[in-house]
C-alpha atoms as a PDB file:
ATOM      1  CA  MET A   1      -7.569  -8.811  17.023  1.00  0.00           C
ATOM      2  CA  ASN A   2      -4.396  -8.107  18.999  1.00  0.00           C
ATOM      3  CA  ILE A   3      -2.322  -5.757  16.822  1.00  0.00           C
ATOM      4  CA  ASN A   4       0.830  -7.414  18.129  1.00  0.00           C
ATOM      5  CA  GLN A   5      -0.335 -10.675  16.556  1.00  0.00           C
ATOM      6  CA  ARG A   6      -1.283  -9.347  13.118  1.00  0.00           C
ATOM      7  CA  ARG A   7       0.123 -11.173  10.117  1.00  0.00           C
ATOM      8  CA  THR A   8       0.269 -10.499   6.415  1.00  0.00           C
ATOM      9  CA  ILE A   9      -1.811 -13.155   4.645  1.00  0.00           C
ATOM     10  CA  ARG A  10      -0.882 -14.245   1.130  1.00  0.00           C
ATOM     11  CA  LYS A  11      -2.803 -17.532   0.947  1.00  0.00           C
ATOM     12  CA  TYR A  12      -6.601 -17.540   1.047  1.00  0.00           C
ATOM     13  CA  SER A  13      -9.327 -20.157   1.315  1.00  0.00           C
ATOM     14  CA  ASP A  14     -12.021 -20.393  -1.351  1.00  0.00           C
ATOM     15  CA  ARG A  15     -14.622 -19.089   1.114  1.00  0.00           C
ATOM     16  CA  GLU A  16     -16.497 -16.108  -0.307  1.00  0.00           C
ATOM     17  CA  VAL A  17     -16.180 -12.636   1.171  1.00  0.00           C
ATOM     18  CA  SER A  18     -19.801 -11.532   1.138  1.00  0.00           C
ATOM     19  CA  GLU A  19     -20.773  -8.217  -0.385  1.00  0.00           C
ATOM     20  CA  GLU A  20     -22.587  -7.377   2.834  1.00  0.00           C
ATOM     21  CA  LEU A  21     -19.475  -7.826   4.968  1.00  0.00           C
ATOM     22  CA  LEU A  22     -17.218  -6.041   2.496  1.00  0.00           C
ATOM     23  CA  ASN A  23     -19.564  -3.065   2.215  1.00  0.00           C
ATOM     24  CA  LYS A  24     -19.863  -2.816   5.990  1.00  0.00           C
ATOM     25  CA  LEU A  25     -16.094  -2.757   6.369  1.00  0.00           C
ATOM     26  CA  LEU A  26     -15.724  -0.167   3.610  1.00  0.00           C
ATOM     27  CA  SER A  27     -18.492   1.946   5.121  1.00  0.00           C
ATOM     28  CA  ASP A  28     -17.050   1.769   8.625  1.00  0.00           C
ATOM     29  CA  SER A  29     -13.618   2.678   7.269  1.00  0.00           C
ATOM     30  CA  MET A  30     -15.023   5.984   6.030  1.00  0.00           C
ATOM     31  CA  ARG A  31     -14.901   7.205   9.638  1.00  0.00           C
ATOM     32  CA  THR A  32     -11.140   7.491   9.242  1.00  0.00           C
ATOM     33  CA  PRO A  33      -9.524  10.967   9.500  1.00  0.00           C
ATOM     34  CA  THR A  34      -9.614  12.995   6.281  1.00  0.00           C
ATOM     35  CA  MET A  35      -8.377  16.405   5.157  1.00  0.00           C
ATOM     36  CA  GLY A  36     -11.111  19.029   5.300  1.00  0.00           C
ATOM     37  CA  ASN A  37     -13.703  16.247   5.582  1.00  0.00           C
ATOM     38  CA  LEU A  38     -13.419  15.858   1.805  1.00  0.00           C
ATOM     39  CA  GLN A  39     -12.663  12.093   1.687  1.00  0.00           C
ATOM     40  CA  LEU A  40     -10.137  12.402  -1.110  1.00  0.00           C
ATOM     41  CA  TYR A  41     -10.110   8.713  -2.048  1.00  0.00           C
ATOM     42  CA  SER A  42     -11.938   6.136  -4.120  1.00  0.00           C
ATOM     43  CA  VAL A  43     -11.792   2.345  -3.952  1.00  0.00           C
ATOM     44  CA  ILE A  44     -11.954   0.012  -6.952  1.00  0.00           C
ATOM     45  CA  VAL A  45     -13.285  -3.400  -5.938  1.00  0.00           C
ATOM     46  CA  THR A  46     -12.072  -6.256  -8.141  1.00  0.00           C
ATOM     47  CA  ARG A  47     -13.665  -9.693  -7.888  1.00  0.00           C
ATOM     48  CA  ASP A  48     -13.746 -10.726 -11.544  1.00  0.00           C
ATOM     49  CA  GLU A  49     -11.083 -13.337 -12.329  1.00  0.00           C
ATOM     50  CA  ALA A  50     -10.248 -11.822 -15.699  1.00  0.00           C
ATOM     51  CA  MET A  51      -9.735  -8.385 -14.177  1.00  0.00           C
ATOM     52  CA  LYS A  52      -7.474  -9.835 -11.491  1.00  0.00           C
ATOM     53  CA  GLN A  53      -5.439 -11.489 -14.231  1.00  0.00           C
ATOM     54  CA  ARG A  54      -5.115  -8.115 -15.956  1.00  0.00           C
ATOM     55  CA  LEU A  55      -4.007  -6.408 -12.736  1.00  0.00           C
ATOM     56  CA  ALA A  56      -1.463  -9.069 -11.806  1.00  0.00           C
ATOM     57  CA  PRO A  57       1.401  -7.909 -14.081  1.00  0.00           C
ATOM     58  CA  ALA A  58       1.355  -4.480 -12.438  1.00  0.00           C
ATOM     59  CA  HIS A  59       2.096  -6.294  -9.162  1.00  0.00           C
ATOM     60  CA  PHE A  60       4.859  -8.486 -10.611  1.00  0.00           C
ATOM     61  CA  ASN A  61       2.376 -11.370 -10.900  1.00  0.00           C
ATOM     62  CA  GLN A  62       2.327 -12.025  -7.170  1.00  0.00           C
ATOM     63  CA  SER A  63       0.017 -14.988  -6.654  1.00  0.00           C
ATOM     64  CA  MET A  64      -2.229 -13.345  -4.044  1.00  0.00           C
ATOM     65  CA  VAL A  65      -3.551 -10.903  -6.656  1.00  0.00           C
ATOM     66  CA  THR A  66      -5.250 -13.691  -8.575  1.00  0.00           C
ATOM     67  CA  ASP A  67      -5.832 -16.032  -5.614  1.00  0.00           C
ATOM     68  CA  ALA A  68      -7.558 -13.594  -3.244  1.00  0.00           C
ATOM     69  CA  PRO A  69     -11.362 -13.364  -3.487  1.00  0.00           C
ATOM     70  CA  VAL A  70     -11.191  -9.556  -3.445  1.00  0.00           C
ATOM     71  CA  VAL A  71      -8.614  -7.039  -4.577  1.00  0.00           C
ATOM     72  CA  LEU A  72      -9.028  -3.417  -3.487  1.00  0.00           C
ATOM     73  CA  THR A  73      -7.222  -0.643  -5.321  1.00  0.00           C
ATOM     74  CA  ILE A  74      -7.307   2.474  -3.178  1.00  0.00           C
ATOM     75  CA  CYS A  75      -6.863   5.698  -5.114  1.00  0.00           C
ATOM     76  CA  ALA A  76      -6.031   9.275  -4.337  1.00  0.00           C
ATOM     77  CA  ASP A  77      -9.032  11.039  -5.857  1.00  0.00           C
ATOM     78  CA  PHE A  78      -9.433  14.786  -6.332  1.00  0.00           C
ATOM     79  CA  ARG A  79     -11.678  14.297  -9.374  1.00  0.00           C
ATOM     80  CA  ARG A  80     -14.907  13.866  -7.429  1.00  0.00           C
ATOM     81  CA  THR A  81     -14.243  16.988  -5.339  1.00  0.00           C
ATOM     82  CA  SER A  82     -13.294  18.963  -8.460  1.00  0.00           C
ATOM     83  CA  ILE A  83     -16.465  17.954 -10.310  1.00  0.00           C
ATOM     84  CA  TRP A  84     -18.505  18.836  -7.224  1.00  0.00           C
ATOM     85  CA  ALA A  85     -16.879  22.275  -7.181  1.00  0.00           C
ATOM     86  CA  GLU A  86     -17.506  22.839 -10.876  1.00  0.00           C
ATOM     87  CA  ASN A  87     -21.159  21.919 -10.441  1.00  0.00           C
ATOM     88  CA  ARG A  88     -21.555  24.329  -7.525  1.00  0.00           C
ATOM     89  CA  LYS A  89     -20.227  27.532  -9.145  1.00  0.00           C
ATOM     90  CA  ALA A  90     -16.756  27.046  -7.626  1.00  0.00           C
ATOM     91  CA  THR A  91     -13.383  26.900  -9.350  1.00  0.00           C
ATOM     92  CA  PRO A  92     -11.212  23.948  -8.234  1.00  0.00           C
ATOM     93  CA  GLY A  93      -7.436  24.255  -8.130  1.00  0.00           C
ATOM     94  CA  TYR A  94      -6.338  20.729  -7.349  1.00  0.00           C
ATOM     95  CA  ASP A  95      -4.190  19.856 -10.361  1.00  0.00           C
ATOM     96  CA  ASN A  96      -0.937  20.078  -8.417  1.00  0.00           C
ATOM     97  CA  LEU A  97       1.508  18.119  -6.304  1.00  0.00           C
ATOM     98  CA  LEU A  98       0.186  19.320  -2.942  1.00  0.00           C
ATOM     99  CA  SER A  99      -3.278  18.058  -3.827  1.00  0.00           C
ATOM    100  CA  PHE A 100      -1.829  14.683  -4.791  1.00  0.00           C
ATOM    101  CA  PHE A 101      -0.114  14.394  -1.416  1.00  0.00           C
ATOM    102  CA  ASN A 102      -3.269  15.405   0.428  1.00  0.00           C
ATOM    103  CA  ALA A 103      -5.365  12.869  -1.460  1.00  0.00           C
ATOM    104  CA  SER A 104      -2.703  10.185  -1.026  1.00  0.00           C
ATOM    105  CA  THR A 105      -2.666  10.766   2.724  1.00  0.00           C
ATOM    106  CA  ASP A 106      -6.456  10.417   2.843  1.00  0.00           C
ATOM    107  CA  ALA A 107      -6.289   7.225   0.788  1.00  0.00           C
ATOM    108  CA  LEU A 108      -3.580   5.634   2.918  1.00  0.00           C
ATOM    109  CA  LEU A 109      -5.372   6.501   6.150  1.00  0.00           C
ATOM    110  CA  PHE A 110      -8.497   4.821   4.747  1.00  0.00           C
ATOM    111  CA  CYS A 111      -6.401   1.824   3.708  1.00  0.00           C
ATOM    112  CA  GLN A 112      -5.000   1.355   7.203  1.00  0.00           C
ATOM    113  CA  THR A 113      -8.392   1.704   8.860  1.00  0.00           C
ATOM    114  CA  PHE A 114      -9.887  -0.864   6.496  1.00  0.00           C
ATOM    115  CA  THR A 115      -6.985  -3.231   7.167  1.00  0.00           C
ATOM    116  CA  ASN A 116      -7.528  -3.033  10.918  1.00  0.00           C
ATOM    117  CA  LEU A 117     -11.296  -3.542  10.663  1.00  0.00           C
ATOM    118  CA  ALA A 118     -11.008  -6.393   8.151  1.00  0.00           C
ATOM    119  CA  GLU A 119      -8.515  -8.283  10.278  1.00  0.00           C
ATOM    120  CA  GLU A 120     -10.637  -7.681  13.375  1.00  0.00           C
ATOM    121  CA  ALA A 121     -13.489  -9.380  11.479  1.00  0.00           C
ATOM    122  CA  GLY A 122     -11.272 -12.406  10.864  1.00  0.00           C
ATOM    123  CA  LEU A 123     -10.236 -11.631   7.301  1.00  0.00           C
ATOM    124  CA  GLY A 124      -6.643 -11.658   6.106  1.00  0.00           C
ATOM    125  CA  THR A 125      -5.039  -8.906   4.058  1.00  0.00           C
ATOM    126  CA  CYS A 126      -1.833  -8.218   2.183  1.00  0.00           C
ATOM    127  CA  PHE A 127      -0.715  -4.665   1.452  1.00  0.00           C
ATOM    128  CA  LEU A 128       0.918  -4.447  -1.983  1.00  0.00           C
ATOM    129  CA  GLY A 129       3.577  -1.754  -2.111  1.00  0.00           C
ATOM    130  CA  THR A 130       3.925  -2.486  -5.824  1.00  0.00           C
ATOM    131  CA  THR A 131       0.943  -0.213  -6.575  1.00  0.00           C
ATOM    132  CA  ILE A 132       3.145   2.831  -7.124  1.00  0.00           C
ATOM    133  CA  TYR A 133       5.863   0.960  -9.035  1.00  0.00           C
ATOM    134  CA  MET A 134       3.987   0.736 -12.332  1.00  0.00           C
ATOM    135  CA  PRO A 135       0.933   2.928 -11.792  1.00  0.00           C
ATOM    136  CA  GLN A 136       0.189   3.495 -15.467  1.00  0.00           C
ATOM    137  CA  MET A 137      -0.650  -0.189 -15.941  1.00  0.00           C
ATOM    138  CA  ILE A 138      -3.177   0.046 -13.126  1.00  0.00           C
ATOM    139  CA  ILE A 139      -4.534   3.358 -14.422  1.00  0.00           C
ATOM    140  CA  ASP A 140      -5.109   1.835 -17.846  1.00  0.00           C
ATOM    141  CA  THR A 141      -6.607  -1.415 -16.523  1.00  0.00           C
ATOM    142  CA  LEU A 142      -9.020   0.293 -14.142  1.00  0.00           C
ATOM    143  CA  GLN A 143      -9.732   3.193 -16.537  1.00  0.00           C
ATOM    144  CA  LEU A 144      -8.867   5.846 -13.981  1.00  0.00           C
ATOM    145  CA  PRO A 145      -9.639   9.391 -15.195  1.00  0.00           C
ATOM    146  CA  SER A 146      -7.623  12.536 -14.513  1.00  0.00           C
ATOM    147  CA  LEU A 147      -6.977  13.484 -10.884  1.00  0.00           C
ATOM    148  CA  VAL A 148      -7.328   9.847  -9.810  1.00  0.00           C
ATOM    149  CA  PHE A 149      -4.154   7.906  -8.951  1.00  0.00           C
ATOM    150  CA  PRO A 150      -3.636   4.437  -7.412  1.00  0.00           C
ATOM    151  CA  VAL A 151      -1.621   4.548  -4.199  1.00  0.00           C
ATOM    152  CA  ALA A 152      -2.398   1.267  -2.394  1.00  0.00           C
ATOM    153  CA  THR A 153      -3.687  -2.226  -3.071  1.00  0.00           C
ATOM    154  CA  LEU A 154      -5.040  -4.748  -0.586  1.00  0.00           C
ATOM    155  CA  THR A 155      -5.756  -8.388  -1.267  1.00  0.00           C
ATOM    156  CA  VAL A 156      -8.560  -9.576   1.010  1.00  0.00           C
ATOM    157  CA  GLY A 157      -9.914 -12.993   1.934  1.00  0.00           C
ATOM    158  CA  TRP A 158     -10.291 -15.622   4.618  1.00  0.00           C
ATOM    159  CA  PRO A 159      -6.829 -16.839   5.701  1.00  0.00           C
ATOM    160  CA  ASP A 160      -5.541 -20.218   4.604  1.00  0.00           C
ATOM    161  CA  GLU A 161      -2.234 -19.916   6.430  1.00  0.00           C
ATOM    162  CA  ASN A 162      -0.797 -18.805   9.755  1.00  0.00           C
ATOM    163  CA  PRO A 163       2.619 -17.383   8.892  1.00  0.00           C
ATOM    164  CA  PRO A 164       5.143 -16.295  11.529  1.00  0.00           C
ATOM    165  CA  LEU A 165       5.130 -12.714  12.726  1.00  0.00           C
ATOM    166  CA  SER A 166       7.362 -10.318  10.824  1.00  0.00           C
ATOM    167  CA  ASP A 167      10.199  -8.839  12.813  1.00  0.00           C
ATOM    168  CA  ARG A 168      10.119  -5.187  13.865  1.00  0.00           C
ATOM    169  CA  LEU A 169      12.786  -2.733  14.962  1.00  0.00           C
ATOM    170  CA  PRO A 170      12.778  -1.750  18.639  1.00  0.00           C
ATOM    171  CA  LEU A 171      10.769   1.309  19.659  1.00  0.00           C
ATOM    172  CA  GLU A 172      13.963   3.264  20.298  1.00  0.00           C
ATOM    173  CA  ALA A 173      14.795   3.031  16.587  1.00  0.00           C
ATOM    174  CA  ILE A 174      11.888   5.232  15.544  1.00  0.00           C
ATOM    175  CA  ILE A 175      11.254   7.588  18.479  1.00  0.00           C
ATOM    176  CA  HIS A 176      12.918  11.012  18.686  1.00  0.00           C
ATOM    177  CA  GLN A 177      12.259  13.175  21.740  1.00  0.00           C
ATOM    178  CA  GLU A 178      11.583  16.860  20.955  1.00  0.00           C
ATOM    179  CA  THR A 179      13.967  17.040  17.968  1.00  0.00           C
ATOM    180  CA  TYR A 180      15.444  14.524  15.526  1.00  0.00           C
ATOM    181  CA  HIS A 181      18.421  12.632  16.908  1.00  0.00           C
ATOM    182  CA  ASP A 182      20.601  11.450  14.051  1.00  0.00           C
ATOM    183  CA  TYR A 183      21.814   7.853  14.141  1.00  0.00           C
ATOM    184  CA  THR A 184      25.352   7.025  15.156  1.00  0.00           C
ATOM    185  CA  PRO A 185      27.057   3.791  14.092  1.00  0.00           C
ATOM    186  CA  ALA A 186      26.484   2.536  17.636  1.00  0.00           C
ATOM    187  CA  ASP A 187      22.763   3.319  17.333  1.00  0.00           C
ATOM    188  CA  ILE A 188      22.563   1.373  14.085  1.00  0.00           C
ATOM    189  CA  ASP A 189      24.360  -1.599  15.638  1.00  0.00           C
ATOM    190  CA  ASP A 190      21.938  -1.567  18.549  1.00  0.00           C
ATOM    191  CA  HIS A 191      18.746  -1.088  16.510  1.00  0.00           C
ATOM    192  CA  TYR A 192      19.512  -3.630  13.768  1.00  0.00           C
ATOM    193  CA  LYS A 193      21.333  -6.328  15.725  1.00  0.00           C
ATOM    194  CA  ALA A 194      18.296  -8.538  16.349  1.00  0.00           C
ATOM    195  CA  LYS A 195      17.031  -8.166  12.776  1.00  0.00           C
ATOM    196  CA  GLU A 196      20.389  -9.066  11.274  1.00  0.00           C
ATOM    197  CA  GLN A 197      20.776 -12.112  13.500  1.00  0.00           C
ATOM    198  CA  LEU A 198      17.450 -13.700  12.543  1.00  0.00           C
ATOM    199  CA  GLU A 199      18.040 -17.027  10.821  1.00  0.00           C
ATOM    200  CA  GLU A 200      15.861 -16.150   7.811  1.00  0.00           C
ATOM    201  CA  ASN A 201      17.741 -12.890   7.295  1.00  0.00           C
ATOM    202  CA  ARG A 202      21.114 -14.588   7.592  1.00  0.00           C
ATOM    203  CA  HIS A 203      19.811 -16.996   4.943  1.00  0.00           C
ATOM    204  CA  PHE A 204      18.858 -14.075   2.654  1.00  0.00           C
ATOM    205  CA  VAL A 205      22.417 -12.791   2.895  1.00  0.00           C
ATOM    206  CA  GLU A 206      23.856 -16.189   2.061  1.00  0.00           C
ATOM    207  CA  VAL A 207      21.644 -17.050  -0.906  1.00  0.00           C
ATOM    208  CA  ASN A 208      22.185 -13.605  -2.416  1.00  0.00           C
ATOM    209  CA  ASN A 209      25.957 -13.889  -2.024  1.00  0.00           C
ATOM    210  CA  LYS A 210      26.155 -10.693  -0.027  1.00  0.00           C
ATOM    211  CA  GLU A 211      28.137  -9.652   3.019  1.00  0.00           C
ATOM    212  CA  THR A 212      25.365  -7.853   4.908  1.00  0.00           C
ATOM    213  CA  LEU A 213      21.565  -7.751   5.029  1.00  0.00           C
ATOM    214  CA  ALA A 214      21.639  -4.102   4.000  1.00  0.00           C
ATOM    215  CA  GLN A 215      23.318  -5.115   0.746  1.00  0.00           C
ATOM    216  CA  VAL A 216      20.431  -7.475  -0.018  1.00  0.00           C
ATOM    217  CA  PHE A 217      18.097  -4.473   0.064  1.00  0.00           C
ATOM    218  CA  THR A 218      20.331  -2.005  -1.799  1.00  0.00           C
ATOM    219  CA  ASP A 219      21.806  -4.373  -4.383  1.00  0.00           C
ATOM    220  CA  CYS A 220      19.010  -6.883  -4.967  1.00  0.00           C
ATOM    221  CA  ARG A 221      15.575  -5.863  -3.751  1.00  0.00           C
ATOM    222  CA  TYR A 222      15.359  -2.069  -4.065  1.00  0.00           C
ATOM    223  CA  THR A 223      18.153  -0.963  -6.336  1.00  0.00           C
ATOM    224  CA  LYS A 224      19.009   2.603  -7.271  1.00  0.00           C
ATOM    225  CA  ARG A 225      18.501   1.789 -10.960  1.00  0.00           C
ATOM    226  CA  ASP A 226      15.039   0.347 -10.397  1.00  0.00           C
ATOM    227  CA  ASN A 227      14.042   3.180  -8.065  1.00  0.00           C
ATOM    228  CA  GLU A 228      15.068   5.797 -10.593  1.00  0.00           C
ATOM    229  CA  ALA A 229      13.311   4.027 -13.471  1.00  0.00           C
ATOM    230  CA  MET A 230      10.082   3.607 -11.518  1.00  0.00           C
ATOM    231  CA  SER A 231      10.312   7.187 -10.239  1.00  0.00           C
ATOM    232  CA  ALA A 232      10.425   8.384 -13.847  1.00  0.00           C
ATOM    233  CA  GLY A 233       7.383   6.264 -14.655  1.00  0.00           C
ATOM    234  CA  MET A 234       5.500   7.594 -11.653  1.00  0.00           C
ATOM    235  CA  ILE A 235       6.259  11.192 -12.569  1.00  0.00           C
ATOM    236  CA  GLU A 236       5.027  10.590 -16.110  1.00  0.00           C
ATOM    237  CA  ALA A 237       1.845   8.974 -14.782  1.00  0.00           C
ATOM    238  CA  LEU A 238       1.262  11.909 -12.417  1.00  0.00           C
ATOM    239  CA  LYS A 239       1.555  14.265 -15.392  1.00  0.00           C
ATOM    240  CA  ARG A 240      -0.938  12.216 -17.415  1.00  0.00           C
ATOM    241  CA  GLN A 241      -3.380  12.175 -14.513  1.00  0.00           C
ATOM    242  CA  GLY A 242      -3.150  15.942 -14.137  1.00  0.00           C
ATOM    243  CA  PHE A 243      -1.315  16.250 -10.826  1.00  0.00           C
ATOM    244  CA  LEU A 244       1.879  17.688 -12.336  1.00  0.00           C
END
């Protein structure tokens, strides 16, 4: 697969994803970088239709959750390492925020490696950022114990669509040489000009009755009120799972 041609796939054929292929991809993905070689992640594989239906509300009932043959919930997991320590005359100290970030980094690295390998094998995937919006629903549905926290979800299947490529900012928008160079208004104009002029983005502005594309994101899609409410829910879930 050419990375410059990768697409997010939300529509899947009814072709089965074999257990053999899935396990090979999961196994190969374990070669991804990991902190201290501890592999601080676990993956919940969901194929059962009823379980997918139960997971769907946590992802705002996006259709790919129930339509995809496989749903993977990738979790930050310090439980396994802690139990290992306790069973080997060691005292774990991983019930804290730093440990959550370390395990989350491991989990997200694994997620990206799996995505690359799956798409190279011809499968389609969709990364669901909604995983951390309402984590307690996922925790309850998947019966996640303490020190296990969902951080990413992938829907996986054989593609039944060929959507257009998503736009990307130019390289200059993200690269800083030696130290961080803060963005001037001229920089912003230069970096976002092409994105703002795309027909689909101009349409988003129009249908949302906004003046700029930025307002669509701040006022409609990712509002301060929603961010604060979901932040409070995430903090509460982190406390319940033992990371705070």
